[in-house]
Amino acid sequence: MKKPPERPVLITDAARSQSDQLRSREIRYVSMMALRAACLITGAILISVKPPLLPVWLILCAAGMVFLPWAAVLIANDRPPKSKANPPAPRPEPTPRALDQQPEPRTIDLEP
């Protein structure tokens, strides 16, 4: 039987709702994809302007266009970590079984 908590639980200790978590992850994903689009547009502008060190700038833009979608998906699918006030449930430890303790095979007879 669980022992009641010693102090009352505050509503401010409650975890964020699923809809709030989803909304914040969607905002992060869309902002990272907007940054990726900005890298593409910047690369196109750089090609037309031809500034000094053009290959370096184009490599940076290309790296942003490749890295950002991967990072955005990882961040969008990640959930917030468990708080110390609300730790994950403990897993029961498996009972150790000796190797030499094999259960004896059962024989079922139809006749008495």
PDB file of N, CA and C in Angstrom:
ATOM      1  N   MET A   1       0.847  -1.176   0.000  1.00  0.00           N
ATOM      2  CA  MET A   1       0.000   0.000   0.000  1.00  0.00           C
ATOM      3  C   MET A   1       0.889   1.233   0.000  1.00  0.00           C
ATOM      4  N   LYS A   2       0.524   2.211  -0.806  1.00  0.00           N
ATOM      5  CA  LYS A   2       1.326   3.424  -0.908  1.00  0.00           C
ATOM      6  C   LYS A   2       1.103   4.312   0.295  1.00  0.00           C
ATOM      7  N   LYS A   3       2.191   4.921   0.716  1.00  0.00           N
ATOM      8  CA  LYS A   3       2.110   5.870   1.814  1.00  0.00           C
ATOM      9  C   LYS A   3       1.757   7.236   1.227  1.00  0.00           C
ATOM     10  N   PRO A   4       0.805   7.957   1.796  1.00  0.00           N
ATOM     11  CA  PRO A   4       0.446   9.262   1.238  1.00  0.00           C
ATOM     12  C   PRO A   4       1.633  10.222   1.334  1.00  0.00           C
ATOM     13  N   PRO A   5       1.737  11.175   0.398  1.00  0.00           N
ATOM     14  CA  PRO A   5       2.852  12.110   0.451  1.00  0.00           C
ATOM     15  C   PRO A   5       2.793  12.953   1.709  1.00  0.00           C
ATOM     16  N   GLU A   6       3.967  13.351   2.164  1.00  0.00           N
ATOM     17  CA  GLU A   6       4.049  14.123   3.404  1.00  0.00           C
ATOM     18  C   GLU A   6       3.565  15.553   3.219  1.00  0.00           C
ATOM     19  N   ARG A   7       3.745  16.070   2.031  1.00  0.00           N
ATOM     20  CA  ARG A   7       3.286  17.437   1.779  1.00  0.00           C
ATOM     21  C   ARG A   7       2.370  17.424   0.557  1.00  0.00           C
ATOM     22  N   PRO A   8       1.476  18.374   0.447  1.00  0.00           N
ATOM     23  CA  PRO A   8       0.561  18.374  -0.692  1.00  0.00           C
ATOM     24  C   PRO A   8       1.312  18.645  -1.996  1.00  0.00           C
ATOM     25  N   VAL A   9       0.787  18.116  -3.075  1.00  0.00           N
ATOM     26  CA  VAL A   9       1.381  18.310  -4.384  1.00  0.00           C
ATOM     27  C   VAL A   9       0.889  19.632  -4.949  1.00  0.00           C
ATOM     28  N   LEU A  10       1.813  20.450  -5.409  1.00  0.00           N
ATOM     29  CA  LEU A  10       1.456  21.742  -5.977  1.00  0.00           C
ATOM     30  C   LEU A  10       1.153  21.590  -7.462  1.00  0.00           C
ATOM     31  N   ILE A  11       0.223  22.384  -7.949  1.00  0.00           N
ATOM     32  CA  ILE A  11      -0.119  22.322  -9.360  1.00  0.00           C
ATOM     33  C   ILE A  11       1.049  22.800 -10.212  1.00  0.00           C
ATOM     34  N   THR A  12       1.920  23.630  -9.661  1.00  0.00           N
ATOM     35  CA  THR A  12       3.079  24.105 -10.433  1.00  0.00           C
ATOM     36  C   THR A  12       4.096  22.992 -10.636  1.00  0.00           C
ATOM     37  N   ASP A  13       4.011  21.912  -9.858  1.00  0.00           N
ATOM     38  CA  ASP A  13       4.908  20.772 -10.035  1.00  0.00           C
ATOM     39  C   ASP A  13       4.426  19.828 -11.133  1.00  0.00           C
ATOM     40  N   ALA A  14       3.231  20.070 -11.638  1.00  0.00           N
ATOM     41  CA  ALA A  14       2.674  19.170 -12.644  1.00  0.00           C
ATOM     42  C   ALA A  14       3.423  19.314 -13.962  1.00  0.00           C
ATOM     43  N   ALA A  15       3.482  18.243 -14.720  1.00  0.00           N
ATOM     44  CA  ALA A  15       4.137  18.271 -16.027  1.00  0.00           C
ATOM     45  C   ALA A  15       3.283  19.060 -17.021  1.00  0.00           C
ATOM     46  N   ARG A  16       3.923  19.556 -18.061  1.00  0.00           N
ATOM     47  CA  ARG A  16       3.187  20.277 -19.096  1.00  0.00           C
ATOM     48  C   ARG A  16       2.256  19.316 -19.817  1.00  0.00           C
ATOM     49  N   SER A  17       1.160  19.835 -20.301  1.00  0.00           N
ATOM     50  CA  SER A  17       0.195  18.982 -20.987  1.00  0.00           C
ATOM     51  C   SER A  17       0.766  18.507 -22.316  1.00  0.00           C
ATOM     52  N   GLN A  18       0.203  17.427 -22.837  1.00  0.00           N
ATOM     53  CA  GLN A  18       0.667  16.876 -24.102  1.00  0.00           C
ATOM     54  C   GLN A  18       0.497  17.878 -25.245  1.00  0.00           C
ATOM     55  N   SER A  19      -0.591  18.625 -25.231  1.00  0.00           N
ATOM     56  CA  SER A  19      -0.818  19.588 -26.313  1.00  0.00           C
ATOM     57  C   SER A  19       0.200  20.729 -26.255  1.00  0.00           C
ATOM     58  N   ASP A  20       0.577  21.169 -25.041  1.00  0.00           N
ATOM     59  CA  ASP A  20       1.604  22.203 -24.914  1.00  0.00           C
ATOM     60  C   ASP A  20       2.957  21.690 -25.389  1.00  0.00           C
ATOM     61  N   GLN A  21       3.290  20.456 -25.038  1.00  0.00           N
ATOM     62  CA  GLN A  21       4.553  19.879 -25.485  1.00  0.00           C
ATOM     63  C   GLN A  21       4.577  19.760 -27.003  1.00  0.00           C
ATOM     64  N   LEU A  22       3.484  19.292 -27.586  1.00  0.00           N
ATOM     65  CA  LEU A  22       3.414  19.149 -29.033  1.00  0.00           C
ATOM     66  C   LEU A  22       3.546  20.501 -29.720  1.00  0.00           C
ATOM     67  N   ARG A  23       2.885  21.493 -29.188  1.00  0.00           N
ATOM     68  CA  ARG A  23       2.935  22.845 -29.781  1.00  0.00           C
ATOM     69  C   ARG A  23       4.358  23.389 -29.764  1.00  0.00           C
ATOM     70  N   SER A  24       5.072  23.228 -28.659  1.00  0.00           N
ATOM     71  CA  SER A  24       6.436  23.748 -28.588  1.00  0.00           C
ATOM     72  C   SER A  24       7.363  22.990 -29.541  1.00  0.00           C
ATOM     73  N   ARG A  25       7.158  21.675 -29.682  1.00  0.00           N
ATOM     74  CA  ARG A  25       7.975  20.912 -30.628  1.00  0.00           C
ATOM     75  C   ARG A  25       7.676  21.315 -32.066  1.00  0.00           C
ATOM     76  N   GLU A  26       6.400  21.594 -32.380  1.00  0.00           N
ATOM     77  CA  GLU A  26       6.048  22.052 -33.727  1.00  0.00           C
ATOM     78  C   GLU A  26       6.691  23.396 -34.037  1.00  0.00           C
ATOM     79  N   ILE A  27       6.709  24.289 -33.070  1.00  0.00           N
ATOM     80  CA  ILE A  27       7.321  25.605 -33.273  1.00  0.00           C
ATOM     81  C   ILE A  27       8.815  25.462 -33.530  1.00  0.00           C
ATOM     82  N   ARG A  28       9.495  24.609 -32.746  1.00  0.00           N
ATOM     83  CA  ARG A  28      10.924  24.389 -32.968  1.00  0.00           C
ATOM     84  C   ARG A  28      11.185  23.795 -34.339  1.00  0.00           C
ATOM     85  N   TYR A  29      10.357  22.851 -34.767  1.00  0.00           N
ATOM     86  CA  TYR A  29      10.543  22.210 -36.072  1.00  0.00           C
ATOM     87  C   TYR A  29      10.362  23.226 -37.198  1.00  0.00           C
ATOM     88  N   VAL A  30       9.300  24.007 -37.146  1.00  0.00           N
ATOM     89  CA  VAL A  30       9.036  24.981 -38.207  1.00  0.00           C
ATOM     90  C   VAL A  30      10.129  26.042 -38.244  1.00  0.00           C
ATOM     91  N   SER A  31      10.610  26.480 -37.085  1.00  0.00           N
ATOM     92  CA  SER A  31      11.670  27.490 -37.081  1.00  0.00           C
ATOM     93  C   SER A  31      12.965  26.936 -37.669  1.00  0.00           C
ATOM     94  N   MET A  32      13.286  25.669 -37.400  1.00  0.00           N
ATOM     95  CA  MET A  32      14.493  25.078 -37.975  1.00  0.00           C
ATOM     96  C   MET A  32      14.340  24.884 -39.480  1.00  0.00           C
ATOM     97  N   MET A  33      13.144  24.538 -39.948  1.00  0.00           N
ATOM     98  CA  MET A  33      12.931  24.401 -41.384  1.00  0.00           C
ATOM     99  C   MET A  33      12.973  25.772 -42.071  1.00  0.00           C
ATOM    100  N   ALA A  34      12.532  26.820 -41.371  1.00  0.00           N
ATOM    101  CA  ALA A  34      12.640  28.176 -41.928  1.00  0.00           C
ATOM    102  C   ALA A  34      14.113  28.577 -42.037  1.00  0.00           C
ATOM    103  N   LEU A  35      14.914  28.192 -41.067  1.00  0.00           N
ATOM    104  CA  LEU A  35      16.346  28.468 -41.128  1.00  0.00           C
ATOM    105  C   LEU A  35      16.989  27.710 -42.285  1.00  0.00           C
ATOM    106  N   ARG A  36      16.510  26.503 -42.556  1.00  0.00           N
ATOM    107  CA  ARG A  36      17.009  25.734 -43.699  1.00  0.00           C
ATOM    108  C   ARG A  36      16.664  26.439 -45.009  1.00  0.00           C
ATOM    109  N   ALA A  37      15.445  26.952 -45.105  1.00  0.00           N
ATOM    110  CA  ALA A  37      15.049  27.691 -46.305  1.00  0.00           C
ATOM    111  C   ALA A  37      15.900  28.952 -46.447  1.00  0.00           C
ATOM    112  N   ALA A  38      16.218  29.586 -45.322  1.00  0.00           N
ATOM    113  CA  ALA A  38      17.085  30.769 -45.367  1.00  0.00           C
ATOM    114  C   ALA A  38      18.480  30.406 -45.865  1.00  0.00           C
ATOM    115  N   CYS A  39      18.971  29.222 -45.499  1.00  0.00           N
ATOM    116  CA  CYS A  39      20.271  28.766 -46.011  1.00  0.00           C
ATOM    117  C   CYS A  39      20.221  28.591 -47.524  1.00  0.00           C
ATOM    118  N   LEU A  40      19.137  28.054 -48.039  1.00  0.00           N
ATOM    119  CA  LEU A  40      18.991  27.860 -49.481  1.00  0.00           C
ATOM    120  C   LEU A  40      18.952  29.200 -50.209  1.00  0.00           C
ATOM    121  N   ILE A  41      18.171  30.132 -49.687  1.00  0.00           N
ATOM    122  CA  ILE A  41      18.062  31.453 -50.313  1.00  0.00           C
ATOM    123  C   ILE A  41      19.399  32.192 -50.234  1.00  0.00           C
ATOM    124  N   THR A  42      20.065  32.094 -49.095  1.00  0.00           N
ATOM    125  CA  THR A  42      21.370  32.738 -48.932  1.00  0.00           C
ATOM    126  C   THR A  42      22.379  32.163 -49.911  1.00  0.00           C
ATOM    127  N   GLY A  43      22.368  30.848 -50.094  1.00  0.00           N
ATOM    128  CA  GLY A  43      23.275  30.228 -51.064  1.00  0.00           C
ATOM    129  C   GLY A  43      23.020  30.727 -52.470  1.00  0.00           C
ATOM    130  N   ALA A  44      21.750  30.869 -52.849  1.00  0.00           N
ATOM    131  CA  ALA A  44      21.422  31.370 -54.186  1.00  0.00           C
ATOM    132  C   ALA A  44      21.871  32.813 -54.356  1.00  0.00           C
ATOM    133  N   ILE A  45      21.690  33.621 -53.336  1.00  0.00           N
ATOM    134  CA  ILE A  45      22.126  35.024 -53.404  1.00  0.00           C
ATOM    135  C   ILE A  45      23.651  35.100 -53.470  1.00  0.00           C
ATOM    136  N   LEU A  46      24.335  34.267 -52.689  1.00  0.00           N
ATOM    137  CA  LEU A  46      25.796  34.279 -52.706  1.00  0.00           C
ATOM    138  C   LEU A  46      26.354  33.898 -54.075  1.00  0.00           C
ATOM    139  N   ILE A  47      25.707  32.954 -54.756  1.00  0.00           N
ATOM    140  CA  ILE A  47      26.177  32.553 -56.085  1.00  0.00           C
ATOM    141  C   ILE A  47      26.051  33.728 -57.065  1.00  0.00           C
ATOM    142  N   SER A  48      24.983  34.495 -56.945  1.00  0.00           N
ATOM    143  CA  SER A  48      24.807  35.613 -57.879  1.00  0.00           C
ATOM    144  C   SER A  48      25.716  36.792 -57.544  1.00  0.00           C
ATOM    145  N   VAL A  49      26.033  36.989 -56.258  1.00  0.00           N
ATOM    146  CA  VAL A  49      26.871  38.122 -55.849  1.00  0.00           C
ATOM    147  C   VAL A  49      28.353  37.793 -55.994  1.00  0.00           C
ATOM    148  N   LYS A  50      28.736  36.549 -55.808  1.00  0.00           N
ATOM    149  CA  LYS A  50      30.114  36.064 -55.871  1.00  0.00           C
ATOM    150  C   LYS A  50      31.051  36.822 -54.918  1.00  0.00           C
ATOM    151  N   PRO A  51      30.814  36.686 -53.620  1.00  0.00           N
ATOM    152  CA  PRO A  51      31.689  37.363 -52.645  1.00  0.00           C
ATOM    153  C   PRO A  51      33.014  36.611 -52.519  1.00  0.00           C
ATOM    154  N   PRO A  52      33.982  37.222 -51.796  1.00  0.00           N
ATOM    155  CA  PRO A  52      35.221  36.489 -51.548  1.00  0.00           C
ATOM    156  C   PRO A  52      34.938  35.270 -50.658  1.00  0.00           C
ATOM    157  N   LEU A  53      35.717  34.238 -50.828  1.00  0.00           N
ATOM    158  CA  LEU A  53      35.561  32.974 -50.094  1.00  0.00           C
ATOM    159  C   LEU A  53      34.204  32.320 -50.375  1.00  0.00           C
ATOM    160  N   LEU A  54      33.759  32.408 -51.613  1.00  0.00           N
ATOM    161  CA  LEU A  54      32.461  31.847 -52.005  1.00  0.00           C
ATOM    162  C   LEU A  54      32.349  30.357 -51.693  1.00  0.00           C
ATOM    163  N   PRO A  55      33.361  29.528 -51.964  1.00  0.00           N
ATOM    164  CA  PRO A  55      33.214  28.102 -51.650  1.00  0.00           C
ATOM    165  C   PRO A  55      32.991  27.823 -50.167  1.00  0.00           C
ATOM    166  N   VAL A  56      33.625  28.598 -49.308  1.00  0.00           N
ATOM    167  CA  VAL A  56      33.450  28.400 -47.858  1.00  0.00           C
ATOM    168  C   VAL A  56      32.003  28.700 -47.470  1.00  0.00           C
ATOM    169  N   TRP A  57      31.468  29.819 -47.977  1.00  0.00           N
ATOM    170  CA  TRP A  57      30.097  30.192 -47.652  1.00  0.00           C
ATOM    171  C   TRP A  57      29.096  29.173 -48.195  1.00  0.00           C
ATOM    172  N   LEU A  58      29.361  28.671 -49.390  1.00  0.00           N
ATOM    173  CA  LEU A  58      28.456  27.677 -49.971  1.00  0.00           C
ATOM    174  C   LEU A  58      28.503  26.359 -49.200  1.00  0.00           C
ATOM    175  N   ILE A  59      29.683  25.985 -48.716  1.00  0.00           N
ATOM    176  CA  ILE A  59      29.796  24.764 -47.900  1.00  0.00           C
ATOM    177  C   ILE A  59      29.016  24.930 -46.598  1.00  0.00           C
ATOM    178  N   LEU A  60      29.126  26.116 -46.006  1.00  0.00           N
ATOM    179  CA  LEU A  60      28.368  26.369 -44.769  1.00  0.00           C
ATOM    180  C   LEU A  60      26.856  26.318 -45.021  1.00  0.00           C
ATOM    181  N   CYS A  61      26.407  26.900 -46.121  1.00  0.00           N
ATOM    182  CA  CYS A  61      24.971  26.863 -46.448  1.00  0.00           C
ATOM    183  C   CYS A  61      24.520  25.430 -46.723  1.00  0.00           C
ATOM    184  N   ALA A  62      25.338  24.676 -47.455  1.00  0.00           N
ATOM    185  CA  ALA A  62      24.978  23.288 -47.756  1.00  0.00           C
ATOM    186  C   ALA A  62      24.957  22.446 -46.485  1.00  0.00           C
ATOM    187  N   ALA A  63      25.915  22.676 -45.596  1.00  0.00           N
ATOM    188  CA  ALA A  63      25.928  21.935 -44.331  1.00  0.00           C
ATOM    189  C   ALA A  63      24.674  22.250 -43.516  1.00  0.00           C
ATOM    190  N   GLY A  64      24.254  23.501 -43.531  1.00  0.00           N
ATOM    191  CA  GLY A  64      23.027  23.871 -42.830  1.00  0.00           C
ATOM    192  C   GLY A  64      21.806  23.207 -43.430  1.00  0.00           C
ATOM    193  N   MET A  65      21.778  23.118 -44.761  1.00  0.00           N
ATOM    194  CA  MET A  65      20.634  22.496 -45.422  1.00  0.00           C
ATOM    195  C   MET A  65      20.598  20.987 -45.207  1.00  0.00           C
ATOM    196  N   VAL A  66      21.742  20.372 -44.941  1.00  0.00           N
ATOM    197  CA  VAL A  66      21.775  18.924 -44.703  1.00  0.00           C
ATOM    198  C   VAL A  66      21.573  18.614 -43.224  1.00  0.00           C
ATOM    199  N   PHE A  67      22.206  19.380 -42.355  1.00  0.00           N
ATOM    200  CA  PHE A  67      22.170  19.096 -40.924  1.00  0.00           C
ATOM    201  C   PHE A  67      20.842  19.490 -40.279  1.00  0.00           C
ATOM    202  N   LEU A  68      20.262  20.607 -40.683  1.00  0.00           N
ATOM    203  CA  LEU A  68      19.055  21.113 -40.016  1.00  0.00           C
ATOM    204  C   LEU A  68      17.855  20.169 -40.089  1.00  0.00           C
ATOM    205  N   PRO A  69      17.548  19.530 -41.217  1.00  0.00           N
ATOM    206  CA  PRO A  69      16.396  18.614 -41.199  1.00  0.00           C
ATOM    207  C   PRO A  69      16.594  17.445 -40.245  1.00  0.00           C
ATOM    208  N   TRP A  70      17.794  16.903 -40.213  1.00  0.00           N
ATOM    209  CA  TRP A  70      18.091  15.788 -39.302  1.00  0.00           C
ATOM    210  C   TRP A  70      17.906  16.230 -37.848  1.00  0.00           C
ATOM    211  N   ALA A  71      18.477  17.374 -37.494  1.00  0.00           N
ATOM    212  CA  ALA A  71      18.354  17.871 -36.125  1.00  0.00           C
ATOM    213  C   ALA A  71      16.911  18.244 -35.796  1.00  0.00           C
ATOM    214  N   ALA A  72      16.194  18.797 -36.761  1.00  0.00           N
ATOM    215  CA  ALA A  72      14.809  19.199 -36.519  1.00  0.00           C
ATOM    216  C   ALA A  72      13.931  17.991 -36.215  1.00  0.00           C
ATOM    217  N   VAL A  73      14.129  16.906 -36.935  1.00  0.00           N
ATOM    218  CA  VAL A  73      13.333  15.701 -36.686  1.00  0.00           C
ATOM    219  C   VAL A  73      13.669  15.120 -35.322  1.00  0.00           C
ATOM    220  N   LEU A  74      14.945  15.079 -34.975  1.00  0.00           N
ATOM    221  CA  LEU A  74      15.325  14.568 -33.654  1.00  0.00           C
ATOM    222  C   LEU A  74      14.729  15.412 -32.533  1.00  0.00           C
ATOM    223  N   ILE A  75      14.799  16.712 -32.682  1.00  0.00           N
ATOM    224  CA  ILE A  75      14.279  17.601 -31.639  1.00  0.00           C
ATOM    225  C   ILE A  75      12.754  17.538 -31.588  1.00  0.00           C
ATOM    226  N   ALA A  76      12.107  17.452 -32.733  1.00  0.00           N
ATOM    227  CA  ALA A  76      10.640  17.418 -32.757  1.00  0.00           C
ATOM    228  C   ALA A  76      10.098  16.130 -32.151  1.00  0.00           C
ATOM    229  N   ASN A  77      10.835  15.029 -32.272  1.00  0.00           N
ATOM    230  CA  ASN A  77      10.359  13.760 -31.730  1.00  0.00           C
ATOM    231  C   ASN A  77      10.778  13.524 -30.292  1.00  0.00           C
ATOM    232  N   ASP A  78      11.589  14.399 -29.751  1.00  0.00           N
ATOM    233  CA  ASP A  78      12.081  14.223 -28.390  1.00  0.00           C
ATOM    234  C   ASP A  78      11.062  14.778 -27.407  1.00  0.00           C
ATOM    235  N   ARG A  79      10.888  14.068 -26.309  1.00  0.00           N
ATOM    236  CA  ARG A  79       9.992  14.574 -25.270  1.00  0.00           C
ATOM    237  C   ARG A  79      10.847  15.154 -24.146  1.00  0.00           C
ATOM    238  N   PRO A  80      10.271  15.993 -23.308  1.00  0.00           N
ATOM    239  CA  PRO A  80      11.056  16.560 -22.214  1.00  0.00           C
ATOM    240  C   PRO A  80      11.496  15.476 -21.233  1.00  0.00           C
ATOM    241  N   PRO A  81      12.628  15.668 -20.576  1.00  0.00           N
ATOM    242  CA  PRO A  81      13.101  14.654 -19.635  1.00  0.00           C
ATOM    243  C   PRO A  81      12.200  14.562 -18.412  1.00  0.00           C
ATOM    244  N   LYS A  82      12.236  13.412 -17.766  1.00  0.00           N
ATOM    245  CA  LYS A  82      11.475  13.233 -16.525  1.00  0.00           C
ATOM    246  C   LYS A  82      12.068  14.139 -15.451  1.00  0.00           C
ATOM    247  N   SER A  83      11.214  14.741 -14.658  1.00  0.00           N
ATOM    248  CA  SER A  83      11.707  15.597 -13.585  1.00  0.00           C
ATOM    249  C   SER A  83      12.082  14.749 -12.385  1.00  0.00           C
ATOM    250  N   LYS A  84      12.872  15.325 -11.492  1.00  0.00           N
ATOM    251  CA  LYS A  84      13.274  14.585 -10.302  1.00  0.00           C
ATOM    252  C   LYS A  84      12.092  14.383  -9.365  1.00  0.00           C
ATOM    253  N   ALA A  85      11.123  15.285  -9.439  1.00  0.00           N
ATOM    254  CA  ALA A  85       9.944  15.150  -8.592  1.00  0.00           C
ATOM    255  C   ALA A  85       9.037  14.034  -9.091  1.00  0.00           C
ATOM    256  N   ASN A  86       9.144  13.692 -10.368  1.00  0.00           N
ATOM    257  CA  ASN A  86       8.291  12.686 -10.968  1.00  0.00           C
ATOM    258  C   ASN A  86       9.151  11.647 -11.695  1.00  0.00           C
ATOM    259  N   PRO A  87       9.947  10.858 -10.957  1.00  0.00           N
ATOM    260  CA  PRO A  87      10.858   9.923 -11.626  1.00  0.00           C
ATOM    261  C   PRO A  87      10.102   8.775 -12.281  1.00  0.00           C
ATOM    262  N   PRO A  88      10.751   8.075 -13.219  1.00  0.00           N
ATOM    263  CA  PRO A  88      10.076   6.933 -13.837  1.00  0.00           C
ATOM    264  C   PRO A  88       9.853   5.822 -12.823  1.00  0.00           C
ATOM    265  N   ALA A  89       8.855   5.012 -13.082  1.00  0.00           N
ATOM    266  CA  ALA A  89       8.528   3.917 -12.161  1.00  0.00           C
ATOM    267  C   ALA A  89       9.678   2.909 -12.133  1.00  0.00           C
ATOM    268  N   PRO A  90       9.991   2.377 -10.955  1.00  0.00           N
ATOM    269  CA  PRO A  90      11.080   1.401 -10.876  1.00  0.00           C
ATOM    270  C   PRO A  90      10.668   0.090 -11.541  1.00  0.00           C
ATOM    271  N   ARG A  91      11.628  -0.534 -12.178  1.00  0.00           N
ATOM    272  CA  ARG A  91      11.362  -1.821 -12.817  1.00  0.00           C
ATOM    273  C   ARG A  91      11.670  -2.933 -11.835  1.00  0.00           C
ATOM    274  N   PRO A  92      10.819  -3.958 -11.794  1.00  0.00           N
ATOM    275  CA  PRO A  92      11.108  -5.065 -10.878  1.00  0.00           C
ATOM    276  C   PRO A  92      12.326  -5.845 -11.358  1.00  0.00           C
ATOM    277  N   GLU A  93      13.146  -6.238 -10.407  1.00  0.00           N
ATOM    278  CA  GLU A  93      14.341  -6.999 -10.755  1.00  0.00           C
ATOM    279  C   GLU A  93      13.941  -8.453 -11.006  1.00  0.00           C
ATOM    280  N   PRO A  94      14.502  -9.055 -12.042  1.00  0.00           N
ATOM    281  CA  PRO A  94      14.160 -10.457 -12.301  1.00  0.00           C
ATOM    282  C   PRO A  94      14.743 -11.345 -11.205  1.00  0.00           C
ATOM    283  N   THR A  95      13.997 -12.387 -10.889  1.00  0.00           N
ATOM    284  CA  THR A  95      14.488 -13.306  -9.855  1.00  0.00           C
ATOM    285  C   THR A  95      15.576 -14.187 -10.454  1.00  0.00           C
ATOM    286  N   PRO A  96      16.684 -14.327  -9.763  1.00  0.00           N
ATOM    287  CA  PRO A  96      17.764 -15.158 -10.308  1.00  0.00           C
ATOM    288  C   PRO A  96      17.383 -16.642 -10.247  1.00  0.00           C
ATOM    289  N   ARG A  97      17.721 -17.348 -11.314  1.00  0.00           N
ATOM    290  CA  ARG A  97      17.470 -18.785 -11.362  1.00  0.00           C
ATOM    291  C   ARG A  97      18.798 -19.484 -11.556  1.00  0.00           C
ATOM    292  N   ALA A  98      19.000 -20.503 -10.792  1.00  0.00           N
ATOM    293  CA  ALA A  98      20.230 -21.273 -10.938  1.00  0.00           C
ATOM    294  C   ALA A  98      20.142 -22.127 -12.198  1.00  0.00           C
ATOM    295  N   LEU A  99      21.269 -22.329 -12.837  1.00  0.00           N
ATOM    296  CA  LEU A  99      21.276 -23.116 -14.069  1.00  0.00           C
ATOM    297  C   LEU A  99      20.971 -24.584 -13.815  1.00  0.00           C
ATOM    298  N   ASP A 100      21.387 -25.073 -12.635  1.00  0.00           N
ATOM    299  CA  ASP A 100      21.172 -26.492 -12.365  1.00  0.00           C
ATOM    300  C   ASP A 100      19.762 -26.780 -11.849  1.00  0.00           C
ATOM    301  N   GLN A 101      18.958 -25.793 -11.610  1.00  0.00           N
ATOM    302  CA  GLN A 101      17.606 -26.010 -11.108  1.00  0.00           C
ATOM    303  C   GLN A 101      16.621 -26.038 -12.281  1.00  0.00           C
ATOM    304  N   GLN A 102      16.670 -27.067 -13.031  1.00  0.00           N
ATOM    305  CA  GLN A 102      15.740 -27.240 -14.148  1.00  0.00           C
ATOM    306  C   GLN A 102      14.463 -27.883 -13.618  1.00  0.00           C
ATOM    307  N   PRO A 103      13.327 -27.399 -14.054  1.00  0.00           N
ATOM    308  CA  PRO A 103      12.091 -28.039 -13.604  1.00  0.00           C
ATOM    309  C   PRO A 103      12.006 -29.447 -14.199  1.00  0.00           C
ATOM    310  N   GLU A 104      11.524 -30.349 -13.384  1.00  0.00           N
ATOM    311  CA  GLU A 104      11.409 -31.730 -13.849  1.00  0.00           C
ATOM    312  C   GLU A 104      10.293 -31.824 -14.869  1.00  0.00           C
ATOM    313  N   PRO A 105      10.514 -32.592 -15.931  1.00  0.00           N
ATOM    314  CA  PRO A 105       9.460 -32.718 -16.937  1.00  0.00           C
ATOM    315  C   PRO A 105       8.260 -33.461 -16.366  1.00  0.00           C
ATOM    316  N   ARG A 106       7.094 -32.972 -16.720  1.00  0.00           N
ATOM    317  CA  ARG A 106       5.864 -33.609 -16.246  1.00  0.00           C
ATOM    318  C   ARG A 106       5.428 -34.667 -17.231  1.00  0.00           C
ATOM    319  N   THR A 107       4.978 -35.750 -16.713  1.00  0.00           N
ATOM    320  CA  THR A 107       4.425 -36.812 -17.552  1.00  0.00           C
ATOM    321  C   THR A 107       2.944 -36.914 -17.259  1.00  0.00           C
ATOM    322  N   ILE A 108       2.170 -36.848 -18.303  1.00  0.00           N
ATOM    323  CA  ILE A 108       0.725 -36.923 -18.138  1.00  0.00           C
ATOM    324  C   ILE A 108       0.268 -38.276 -18.686  1.00  0.00           C
ATOM    325  N   ASP A 109      -0.312 -39.059 -17.792  1.00  0.00           N
ATOM    326  CA  ASP A 109      -0.825 -40.364 -18.196  1.00  0.00           C
ATOM    327  C   ASP A 109      -2.333 -40.280 -18.326  1.00  0.00           C
ATOM    328  N   LEU A 110      -2.842 -41.009 -19.299  1.00  0.00           N
ATOM    329  CA  LEU A 110      -4.279 -41.052 -19.467  1.00  0.00           C
ATOM    330  C   LEU A 110      -4.905 -42.128 -18.603  1.00  0.00           C
ATOM    331  N   GLU A 111      -4.142 -43.138 -18.287  1.00  0.00           N
ATOM    332  CA  GLU A 111      -4.671 -44.236 -17.469  1.00  0.00           C
ATOM    333  C   GLU A 111      -4.172 -44.065 -16.027  1.00  0.00           C
ATOM    334  N   PRO A 112      -5.012 -44.424 -15.088  1.00  0.00           N
ATOM    335  CA  PRO A 112      -4.596 -44.307 -13.678  1.00  0.00           C
ATOM    336  C   PRO A 112      -3.567 -45.321 -13.259  1.00  0.00           C
TER     337      PRO A 112
END
